[in-house]
Protein backbone atom coordinates (compact mmCIF):
# COMPACT_ATOMS: atom_id res chain seq x y z
CA MET A 1 119.95 171.31 151.03
CA THR A 2 123.27 171.18 149.15
CA LEU A 3 123.75 168.80 146.12
CA THR A 4 126.14 166.64 148.05
CA LYS A 5 123.70 166.16 150.94
CA ARG A 6 120.84 165.49 148.40
CA ALA A 7 123.06 162.65 146.72
CA ARG A 8 123.78 161.18 150.06
CA LYS A 9 120.14 161.20 151.05
CA ALA A 10 119.16 159.60 147.87
CA ALA A 11 121.71 156.87 148.20
CA GLY A 12 120.50 156.32 151.70
CA ASP A 13 117.01 155.98 150.54
CA LEU A 14 118.08 153.31 147.99
CA SER A 15 120.00 151.60 150.64
CA ASN A 16 117.03 151.46 153.05
CA ALA A 17 114.78 150.26 150.16
CA GLU A 18 117.26 147.45 149.38
CA LYS A 19 117.33 146.34 153.00
CA ARG A 20 113.52 146.28 153.09
CA ARG A 21 113.38 144.25 149.83
CA LYS A 22 115.83 141.69 151.25
CA VAL A 23 113.74 141.17 154.30
CA GLN A 24 110.64 140.63 152.13
CA THR A 25 112.13 138.25 149.38
CA GLY A 26 115.40 136.99 150.76
CA VAL A 27 116.99 137.53 147.41
CA ASP A 28 119.91 139.84 146.47
CA GLU A 29 119.14 142.07 143.51
CA PRO A 30 122.23 141.08 141.55
CA LYS A 31 121.47 137.46 141.76
CA VAL A 32 117.97 137.80 140.48
CA LYS A 33 119.30 139.55 137.40
CA ALA A 34 121.66 136.76 136.76
CA VAL A 35 118.86 134.30 136.70
CA ALA A 36 116.72 136.49 134.46
CA LYS A 37 119.60 136.82 131.91
CA LYS A 38 120.32 133.13 131.78
CA ALA A 39 116.65 132.10 131.25
CA PRO A 40 116.18 133.25 127.67
CA VAL A 41 119.02 130.92 126.54
CA ALA A 42 116.76 127.94 127.35
CA LYS A 43 114.08 129.35 125.08
CA ARG A 44 116.34 129.28 122.04
CA GLY A 45 115.97 125.38 121.85
CA VAL A 46 116.94 122.17 123.44
CA ALA A 47 120.48 122.20 122.14
CA ALA A 48 121.16 125.55 123.58
CA ALA A 49 119.58 124.61 127.01
CA ARG A 50 121.72 121.48 127.24
CA GLY A 51 124.81 123.44 126.40
CA LYS A 52 124.18 125.92 129.23
CA ALA A 53 122.83 123.28 131.79
CA ARG A 54 125.84 123.41 134.01
CA ALA A 55 125.79 127.11 134.18
CA LYS A 56 122.09 127.31 134.92
CA THR A 57 122.42 124.68 137.64
CA SER A 58 125.10 126.73 139.33
CA VAL A 59 123.05 130.02 139.28
CA LYS A 60 119.96 128.29 140.56
CA ALA A 61 121.82 126.61 143.41
CA ARG A 62 122.94 130.06 144.62
CA THR A 63 119.39 131.60 144.59
CA THR A 64 117.12 128.73 145.70
CA LYS A 65 118.67 128.46 149.10
CA LYS A 66 117.08 131.83 149.99
CA MET A 67 114.23 131.97 147.41
CA THR A 68 110.71 130.68 148.32
CA PRO A 69 108.76 128.69 145.74
CA SER A 70 106.35 131.56 145.13
CA ALA A 71 109.21 133.98 144.59
CA GLU A 72 111.11 131.94 141.98
CA PRO A 73 110.95 133.80 138.63
CA GLU A 74 108.72 132.06 135.93
CA ALA A 75 111.56 132.09 133.38
CA THR A 76 113.72 130.06 135.67
CA GLN A 77 110.89 127.47 136.06
CA GLU A 78 110.75 127.19 132.22
CA ALA A 79 114.50 126.83 131.95
CA ALA A 80 114.48 123.97 134.39
CA ALA A 81 112.19 121.83 132.04
CA PRO A 82 113.01 122.57 128.43
CA GLN A 83 110.26 121.48 126.00
CA LYS A 84 111.00 118.64 123.51
CA PRO A 85 111.45 120.06 119.98
CA MET A 86 108.61 119.35 117.59
CA ALA A 87 109.25 117.33 114.40
CA PRO A 88 109.20 119.43 111.22
CA VAL A 89 105.87 119.64 109.43
CA ALA A 90 105.56 119.03 105.70
CA LYS A 91 105.26 122.40 103.93
CA PRO A 92 103.06 123.04 100.91
CA PHE A 93 104.68 122.77 97.61
CA ILE A 94 105.27 125.78 95.43
CA LYS A 95 103.30 125.72 92.25
CA SER A 96 105.75 124.90 89.50
CA ARG A 97 106.06 126.78 86.18
CA THR A 98 106.74 123.41 84.47
CA GLU A 99 103.68 121.10 83.70
CA PRO A 100 103.72 117.80 85.47
CA VAL A 101 104.70 114.88 83.37
CA HIS A 102 104.39 112.15 86.04
CA ALA A 103 101.58 110.87 88.16
CA LEU A 104 102.12 110.78 91.93
CA ALA A 105 103.59 107.57 93.29
CA THR A 106 101.09 104.76 94.08
CA ARG A 107 101.39 101.65 96.21
CA ALA A 108 101.36 98.17 94.76
CA THR A 109 98.09 96.33 95.57
CA VAL A 110 99.10 92.62 95.24
CA PRO A 111 100.16 91.18 98.62
CA GLY A 112 102.39 88.25 98.93
CA THR A 113 104.77 86.35 101.37
CA VAL A 114 108.19 87.68 102.04
CA HIS A 115 111.02 85.14 101.45
CA VAL A 116 114.56 85.74 102.59
CA PHE A 117 117.68 83.68 101.81
CA GLY A 118 120.03 81.73 101.72
CA MET A 119 117.52 79.29 100.47
CA PRO A 120 114.12 81.17 100.08
CA PHE A 121 112.20 80.67 103.22
CA PRO A 122 108.96 82.54 104.22
CA MET A 123 109.06 85.04 107.11
CA ASP A 124 106.40 83.88 109.58
CA SER A 125 107.20 86.70 111.91
CA LEU A 126 105.99 89.25 109.28
CA ASP A 127 102.25 88.54 109.43
CA GLN A 128 101.17 91.45 107.25
CA GLN A 129 99.70 92.03 103.71
CA ILE A 130 103.10 92.98 102.22
CA VAL A 131 103.00 94.62 98.73
CA ASP A 132 106.58 95.76 98.25
CA VAL A 133 110.09 95.18 99.66
CA VAL A 134 113.40 96.97 99.37
CA SER A 135 116.90 96.27 100.92
CA GLY A 136 119.75 98.34 102.09
CA GLY A 137 123.35 96.92 102.59
CA LEU A 138 122.41 95.19 105.85
CA HIS A 139 118.65 95.83 106.41
CA THR A 140 115.33 95.41 104.70
CA MET A 141 111.99 97.40 104.53
CA ALA A 142 108.54 95.99 103.64
CA LEU A 143 105.51 98.03 102.82
CA THR A 144 101.97 96.90 103.74
CA LEU A 145 98.78 97.19 101.74
CA ASP A 146 97.52 99.91 104.19
CA GLY A 147 100.76 101.97 103.86
CA LYS A 148 102.68 100.96 106.89
CA LEU A 149 106.51 100.37 106.84
CA TRP A 150 108.22 97.54 108.56
CA SER A 151 111.93 97.17 108.95
CA TRP A 152 114.53 94.64 110.17
CA GLY A 153 118.29 94.14 110.16
CA CYS A 154 121.33 96.16 111.15
CA ASN A 155 120.21 99.30 112.97
CA ASP A 156 123.53 101.13 113.12
CA GLN A 157 123.02 104.95 113.02
CA ARG A 158 119.29 104.25 113.20
CA ALA A 159 118.85 102.82 109.69
CA LEU A 160 115.64 101.02 110.81
CA GLY A 161 113.90 104.27 111.82
CA ARG A 162 112.71 102.79 115.05
CA ASN A 163 113.77 101.19 118.43
CA GLY A 164 113.43 97.59 119.38
CA GLU A 165 114.91 94.27 118.35
CA GLU A 166 116.94 94.32 115.14
CA ASN A 167 116.47 90.66 113.99
CA VAL A 168 112.51 90.70 113.94
CA PRO A 169 110.36 93.05 111.91
CA GLY A 170 109.27 96.15 113.71
CA LEU A 171 107.00 99.06 112.67
CA VAL A 172 108.88 102.20 111.55
CA GLU A 173 107.97 104.96 114.06
CA GLY A 174 106.18 108.11 113.20
CA LEU A 175 104.98 107.32 109.67
CA ASP A 176 101.34 106.97 108.77
CA GLY A 177 102.29 106.27 105.21
CA ILE A 178 105.42 105.28 103.34
CA ALA A 179 108.73 107.29 102.71
CA ILE A 180 107.15 108.90 99.70
CA THR A 181 103.61 109.77 100.76
CA ARG A 182 100.66 109.98 98.46
CA ASP A 183 101.04 113.70 98.17
CA GLY A 184 104.61 113.61 97.22
CA HIS A 185 106.44 114.37 100.36
CA VAL A 186 109.57 112.58 101.30
CA TYR A 187 110.59 111.34 104.79
CA SER A 188 114.01 110.19 105.61
CA TRP A 189 116.02 108.97 108.58
CA GLY A 190 119.53 107.56 109.57
CA THR A 191 122.75 109.30 108.40
CA PHE A 192 125.08 109.64 105.59
CA ARG A 193 128.70 108.33 105.71
CA SER A 194 131.81 109.63 104.04
CA ALA A 195 135.18 108.09 103.54
CA GLU A 196 136.30 109.30 107.02
CA GLY A 197 133.14 108.12 108.89
CA ILE A 198 129.78 109.65 109.71
CA MET A 199 129.02 112.70 107.71
CA GLY A 200 125.68 113.56 109.19
CA PHE A 201 122.04 113.44 108.16
CA SER A 202 121.83 117.23 107.55
CA GLU A 203 123.85 120.26 108.33
CA GLU A 204 122.05 120.49 111.63
CA THR A 205 121.69 116.73 112.62
CA GLU A 206 124.26 113.96 112.73
CA ILE A 207 121.90 111.06 113.11
CA GLN A 208 118.11 111.27 112.46
CA ALA A 209 116.58 108.53 114.79
CA THR A 210 113.00 108.48 113.38
CA PRO A 211 111.48 109.68 110.10
CA ALA A 212 111.60 113.45 109.26
CA VAL A 213 110.12 115.31 106.36
CA ILE A 214 112.52 116.92 103.78
CA ASN A 215 111.12 120.35 102.97
CA ASN A 216 113.66 121.16 100.24
CA PHE A 217 111.53 120.08 97.23
CA ARG A 218 109.51 122.70 95.53
CA GLU A 219 107.12 120.14 93.99
CA PRO A 220 105.89 116.63 94.77
CA ILE A 221 108.32 113.70 94.50
CA VAL A 222 107.36 110.47 92.62
CA ASN A 223 110.40 108.29 92.92
CA LEU A 224 113.54 107.80 95.06
CA CYS A 225 116.68 105.72 94.86
CA ALA A 226 119.79 105.57 97.09
CA GLY A 227 123.38 104.51 96.82
CA VAL A 228 125.87 103.68 99.59
CA ASP A 229 126.05 107.34 100.58
CA HIS A 230 123.79 109.42 98.35
CA ALA A 231 120.18 109.70 97.26
CA LEU A 232 118.22 110.93 94.28
CA ALA A 233 114.63 112.04 93.95
CA LEU A 234 112.53 112.48 90.88
CA SER A 235 109.93 115.21 90.84
CA VAL A 236 106.41 115.30 89.26
CA SER A 237 107.65 117.61 86.44
CA GLY A 238 110.66 115.35 85.54
CA LYS A 239 113.35 117.21 87.51
CA VAL A 240 116.09 115.35 89.53
CA TYR A 241 117.37 116.25 92.99
CA ALA A 242 120.52 114.79 94.54
CA TRP A 243 122.07 114.94 98.07
CA GLY A 244 124.59 113.10 100.24
CA TYR A 245 128.36 112.44 99.78
CA GLY A 246 129.41 113.43 96.43
CA GLN A 247 133.28 113.01 96.19
CA GLN A 248 132.84 110.35 93.35
CA GLY A 249 130.66 112.68 91.34
CA GLN A 250 127.36 110.88 92.14
CA LEU A 251 125.60 114.11 92.95
CA GLY A 252 126.03 115.39 89.42
CA ARG A 253 127.77 118.59 90.87
CA LEU A 254 131.24 119.60 92.26
CA ILE A 255 131.50 119.34 95.98
CA MET A 256 134.46 121.17 97.35
CA GLU A 257 136.04 119.39 100.32
CA ARG A 258 135.55 122.55 102.58
CA ARG A 259 131.95 122.63 101.80
CA ARG A 260 131.13 118.92 101.59
CA MET A 261 128.42 119.33 104.23
CA HIS A 262 126.49 121.41 101.75
CA GLY A 263 126.01 118.22 99.80
CA LEU A 264 123.50 117.06 102.49
CA THR A 265 121.04 119.47 101.11
CA PRO A 266 118.87 118.30 98.14
CA GLU A 267 119.68 120.37 95.13
CA ARG A 268 118.55 120.18 91.54
CA ILE A 269 120.71 118.50 88.81
CA ARG A 270 120.55 120.40 85.51
CA LEU A 271 118.40 117.74 83.63
CA GLN A 272 115.05 118.11 82.14
CA ASP A 273 112.16 115.62 81.14
CA VAL A 274 113.66 112.75 83.19
CA HIS A 275 111.49 109.64 83.10
CA GLN A 276 113.26 107.40 85.53
CA ILE A 277 116.30 107.49 87.88
CA GLY A 278 118.75 104.82 89.19
CA CYS A 279 121.67 104.48 91.70
CA GLY A 280 124.54 102.26 92.07
CA SER A 281 126.73 102.23 95.12
CA TYR A 282 128.71 105.30 93.96
CA HIS A 283 127.09 106.35 90.67
CA SER A 284 123.91 107.66 89.48
CA PHE A 285 121.76 107.54 86.31
CA ALA A 286 118.83 109.30 84.71
CA ILE A 287 116.65 108.19 81.80
CA THR A 288 115.05 110.92 79.81
CA LYS A 289 111.65 110.78 78.24
CA ASP A 290 113.06 109.69 74.85
CA GLY A 291 114.88 106.73 76.47
CA SER A 292 118.35 108.20 76.53
CA ILE A 293 120.50 107.65 79.64
CA VAL A 294 122.35 110.62 81.10
CA HIS A 295 125.06 110.81 83.57
CA GLU A 296 125.68 114.48 83.76
CA PRO A 297 127.51 115.69 81.58
CA THR A 298 128.08 112.46 79.60
CA GLN A 299 125.50 110.37 77.69
CA VAL A 300 125.89 106.46 77.51
CA ALA A 301 126.09 106.43 73.70
CA ALA A 302 126.09 102.58 73.58
CA LEU A 303 122.51 102.55 74.90
CA LYS A 304 121.18 105.33 72.62
CA GLY A 305 117.96 104.27 71.04
CA ALA A 306 117.68 101.09 73.20
CA ASN A 307 114.52 102.28 74.81
CA ILE A 308 115.72 101.81 78.31
CA ILE A 309 113.07 101.96 81.03
CA LYS A 310 115.04 101.05 84.16
CA ILE A 311 118.75 101.20 85.14
CA VAL A 312 120.36 100.24 88.51
CA GLY A 313 123.88 99.65 89.68
CA GLY A 314 125.67 97.48 92.17
CA GLU A 315 128.98 98.38 93.76
CA HIS A 316 130.95 98.46 90.44
CA HIS A 317 128.47 97.09 87.82
CA THR A 318 125.24 98.25 86.10
CA ILE A 319 122.25 96.63 84.55
CA ALA A 320 119.67 98.29 82.11
CA LEU A 321 116.24 96.94 81.16
CA THR A 322 114.64 97.73 77.83
CA ALA A 323 110.86 98.03 77.18
CA GLU A 324 111.17 94.78 75.24
CA GLY A 325 112.34 92.97 78.43
CA LYS A 326 116.03 92.69 77.43
CA LEU A 327 118.76 93.16 80.02
CA PHE A 328 122.25 94.93 79.20
CA SER A 329 125.10 94.75 81.61
CA PHE A 330 128.50 96.38 81.91
CA GLY A 331 131.21 97.07 84.57
CA ARG A 332 133.16 94.87 86.97
CA SER A 333 132.52 90.99 86.70
CA ASP A 334 135.18 89.15 88.67
CA SER A 335 132.25 87.54 90.50
CA HIS A 336 130.09 87.26 87.42
CA GLN A 337 128.18 90.43 88.44
CA THR A 338 127.39 91.15 84.77
CA GLY A 339 125.79 87.68 84.16
CA LEU A 340 128.13 87.13 81.17
CA PRO A 341 130.56 84.35 80.81
CA PHE A 342 134.28 85.24 81.19
CA ALA A 343 134.80 84.65 77.42
CA THR A 344 132.66 87.67 76.76
CA LEU A 345 134.67 89.97 78.96
CA VAL A 346 137.70 92.18 78.35
CA GLN A 347 140.66 92.33 80.68
CA ASP A 348 140.87 95.29 82.98
CA THR A 349 144.19 96.84 82.03
CA GLU A 350 144.71 98.29 85.52
CA SER A 351 144.98 94.83 86.90
CA MET A 352 148.00 94.18 84.61
CA GLN A 353 149.90 97.16 86.06
CA ILE A 354 150.12 96.01 89.69
CA ASN A 355 153.82 96.42 89.72
CA ALA A 356 155.81 97.99 86.97
CA ASN A 357 158.94 96.10 87.81
CA SER A 358 157.26 92.58 87.72
CA GLN A 359 154.89 90.62 85.63
CA ALA A 360 151.31 90.23 86.83
CA THR A 361 150.44 86.72 88.02
CA GLU A 362 147.48 84.79 86.63
CA ASP A 363 145.53 85.37 89.77
CA ALA A 364 146.23 89.10 89.88
CA SER A 365 145.27 89.53 86.25
CA ALA A 366 142.05 87.70 86.88
CA HIS A 367 141.11 89.77 89.95
CA LYS A 368 139.33 92.51 87.88
CA LYS A 369 137.52 91.19 84.96
CA ALA A 370 135.19 93.77 83.38
CA ILE A 371 133.15 94.62 80.39
CA ASN A 372 133.55 98.14 79.02
CA LEU A 373 130.31 98.48 76.98
CA PRO A 374 126.69 97.50 77.68
CA THR A 375 126.27 93.88 76.39
CA GLN A 376 123.00 92.10 76.29
CA ILE A 377 122.52 89.07 78.66
CA GLU A 378 121.06 86.59 76.20
CA SER A 379 120.86 83.54 78.52
CA ILE A 380 117.62 84.90 80.22
CA PRO A 381 113.93 85.04 79.24
CA SER A 382 112.13 88.24 78.85
CA ILE A 383 112.39 90.39 82.01
CA VAL A 384 109.79 92.67 83.66
CA ASP A 385 111.84 93.76 86.68
CA PHE A 386 115.21 93.30 88.33
CA THR A 387 117.47 94.54 91.24
CA CYS A 388 121.10 94.70 91.94
CA GLY A 389 122.72 94.01 95.23
CA SER A 390 126.30 95.05 95.87
CA ASN A 391 127.69 92.16 93.72
CA HIS A 392 124.72 89.97 92.84
CA ASN A 393 121.45 90.36 91.01
CA ILE A 394 117.78 89.13 90.93
CA ALA A 395 115.51 89.38 87.84
CA VAL A 396 111.80 88.64 87.45
CA SER A 397 110.57 87.04 84.23
CA GLN A 398 107.18 87.80 82.54
CA ASP A 399 105.91 84.41 83.94
CA GLY A 400 106.67 85.53 87.54
CA LYS A 401 109.87 83.34 87.95
CA ALA A 402 113.16 84.67 89.70
CA TYR A 403 116.60 84.32 88.30
CA THR A 404 119.89 85.05 90.25
CA TRP A 405 123.47 85.38 89.39
CA GLY A 406 126.77 86.89 90.66
CA PHE A 407 128.57 86.73 93.93
CA GLY A 408 127.17 83.84 96.10
CA GLU A 409 129.56 83.29 98.96
CA MET A 410 126.86 84.29 101.56
CA LEU A 411 124.12 82.10 100.07
CA GLN A 412 122.42 85.20 98.67
CA LEU A 413 121.78 83.44 95.35
CA GLY A 414 119.30 81.05 96.92
CA ASN A 415 120.86 77.76 95.37
CA GLY A 416 122.20 76.44 98.65
CA GLU A 417 125.76 76.76 97.51
CA GLU A 418 128.37 79.18 98.66
CA GLU A 419 129.59 79.79 95.17
CA ASP A 420 129.29 82.43 92.30
CA ILE A 421 126.80 81.85 89.56
CA ALA A 422 128.15 82.90 86.10
CA GLU A 423 124.85 83.40 84.28
CA PRO A 424 121.22 83.94 85.34
CA THR A 425 119.85 80.72 86.95
CA LEU A 426 116.22 79.92 87.75
CA LEU A 427 115.60 80.20 91.59
CA ARG A 428 114.18 76.85 92.85
CA GLY A 429 113.04 75.71 96.24
CA GLN A 430 110.22 73.93 98.06
CA LYS A 431 108.97 77.06 99.58
CA ILE A 432 108.81 79.09 96.36
CA ASP A 433 108.12 76.54 93.60
CA GLY A 434 104.78 77.24 91.94
CA LYS A 435 104.46 80.79 93.29
CA VAL A 436 104.35 83.97 91.29
CA VAL A 437 107.24 86.47 92.16
CA SER A 438 106.01 90.05 92.12
CA LYS A 439 108.90 91.99 93.77
CA VAL A 440 112.60 91.51 94.50
CA ALA A 441 115.29 93.22 96.65
CA ALA A 442 119.04 92.66 97.15
CA GLY A 443 121.38 93.99 99.76
CA GLY A 444 125.01 93.66 100.37
CA GLN A 445 124.76 90.09 101.44
CA HIS A 446 121.16 88.96 101.41
CA SER A 447 118.17 88.88 99.00
CA VAL A 448 114.43 89.10 99.48
CA VAL A 449 111.67 87.93 97.24
CA LEU A 450 107.96 88.71 97.51
CA ALA A 451 105.78 85.83 96.00
CA ALA A 452 102.24 84.64 96.23
């Protein structure tokens, strides 16, 4: 047989085999290959599967008209029902070459009643043993004695970490403990926002609906704080990590605009032996072991040697607490955010330069009153704790009383008046008089007190 005849015979044999296969399965060979090639795309993850959903549907529609259920490829069946991705699991920490200087975070153990205000009023809907509270701009979190986390308030971009009604407390989903667990792992949810809008939760996720572990830390974390659009974490060995939106320098490192998404990954700030951290809306602080305050790369010289143990900021003001119970404040004070009378303040020169061709009016010059250097608030007793809202503050005295001052137009100062309070004033009310305040929290327009 010649080569040409052999080739024709081989082709005929293949053709006859193809005809027999069609009779047995009802499927054309090229179409089976198309399905088999598409199937692995779904195995790469849910996002990839969704992105190719329309293409897979089209291929499957052409083949299933002829294909019997027993003949459908297994890969196609898997593609039709993609698996839900599993949440990341907390990874073991890498043993640090630096010796620990902090004990792991522990929960408070003294339960009390949560009061919110306007005028302080107990939350009967939160029937739990609450030991700690903290507020964001428009929402609040409460920690129970057994380590459960409850949330209520505005749930835009899933700030509450759960589904359900916003205006009543609900259990945060997927957490057996708190945002910092007993072993030092950190869980987070929601999203970060930039000046242009939603920035994202991470480089891979825009909005994180429920708590997810952050595996970027090499050692256990003992403390956290957050501003409007950034967060800080303090490690067991005194190192500081920062992440979020960093265009105001709040991350302690330069963030180039073309790489701003890189800021969503926690990275170390070049600081050592940090004892405490603090956040304002758009600024950050660290207190070193010897009591110095550091804002990389500049030290707050006016507080050197003051033995600062806590420092927190509002939108444009800052308050620091010494080990002796004294409060120092500085920054913007047009609504008495600093707790100092106007006679103490210096005029913000920028407010006098509104228009180079005209003189500033009295109202314009009074718009931004500020104090440049940390100044002690003398009209308040010895303090053990305090918190800053955006433009108001709450402090707790040694005898368990709460004092409020600053911006009050939303009744957040608890005095029943829609007015600012110039200096720290004792918080009074039928529902709170005679109780001992243990924890305080302040948001953008509301306040929370835990008392028993």
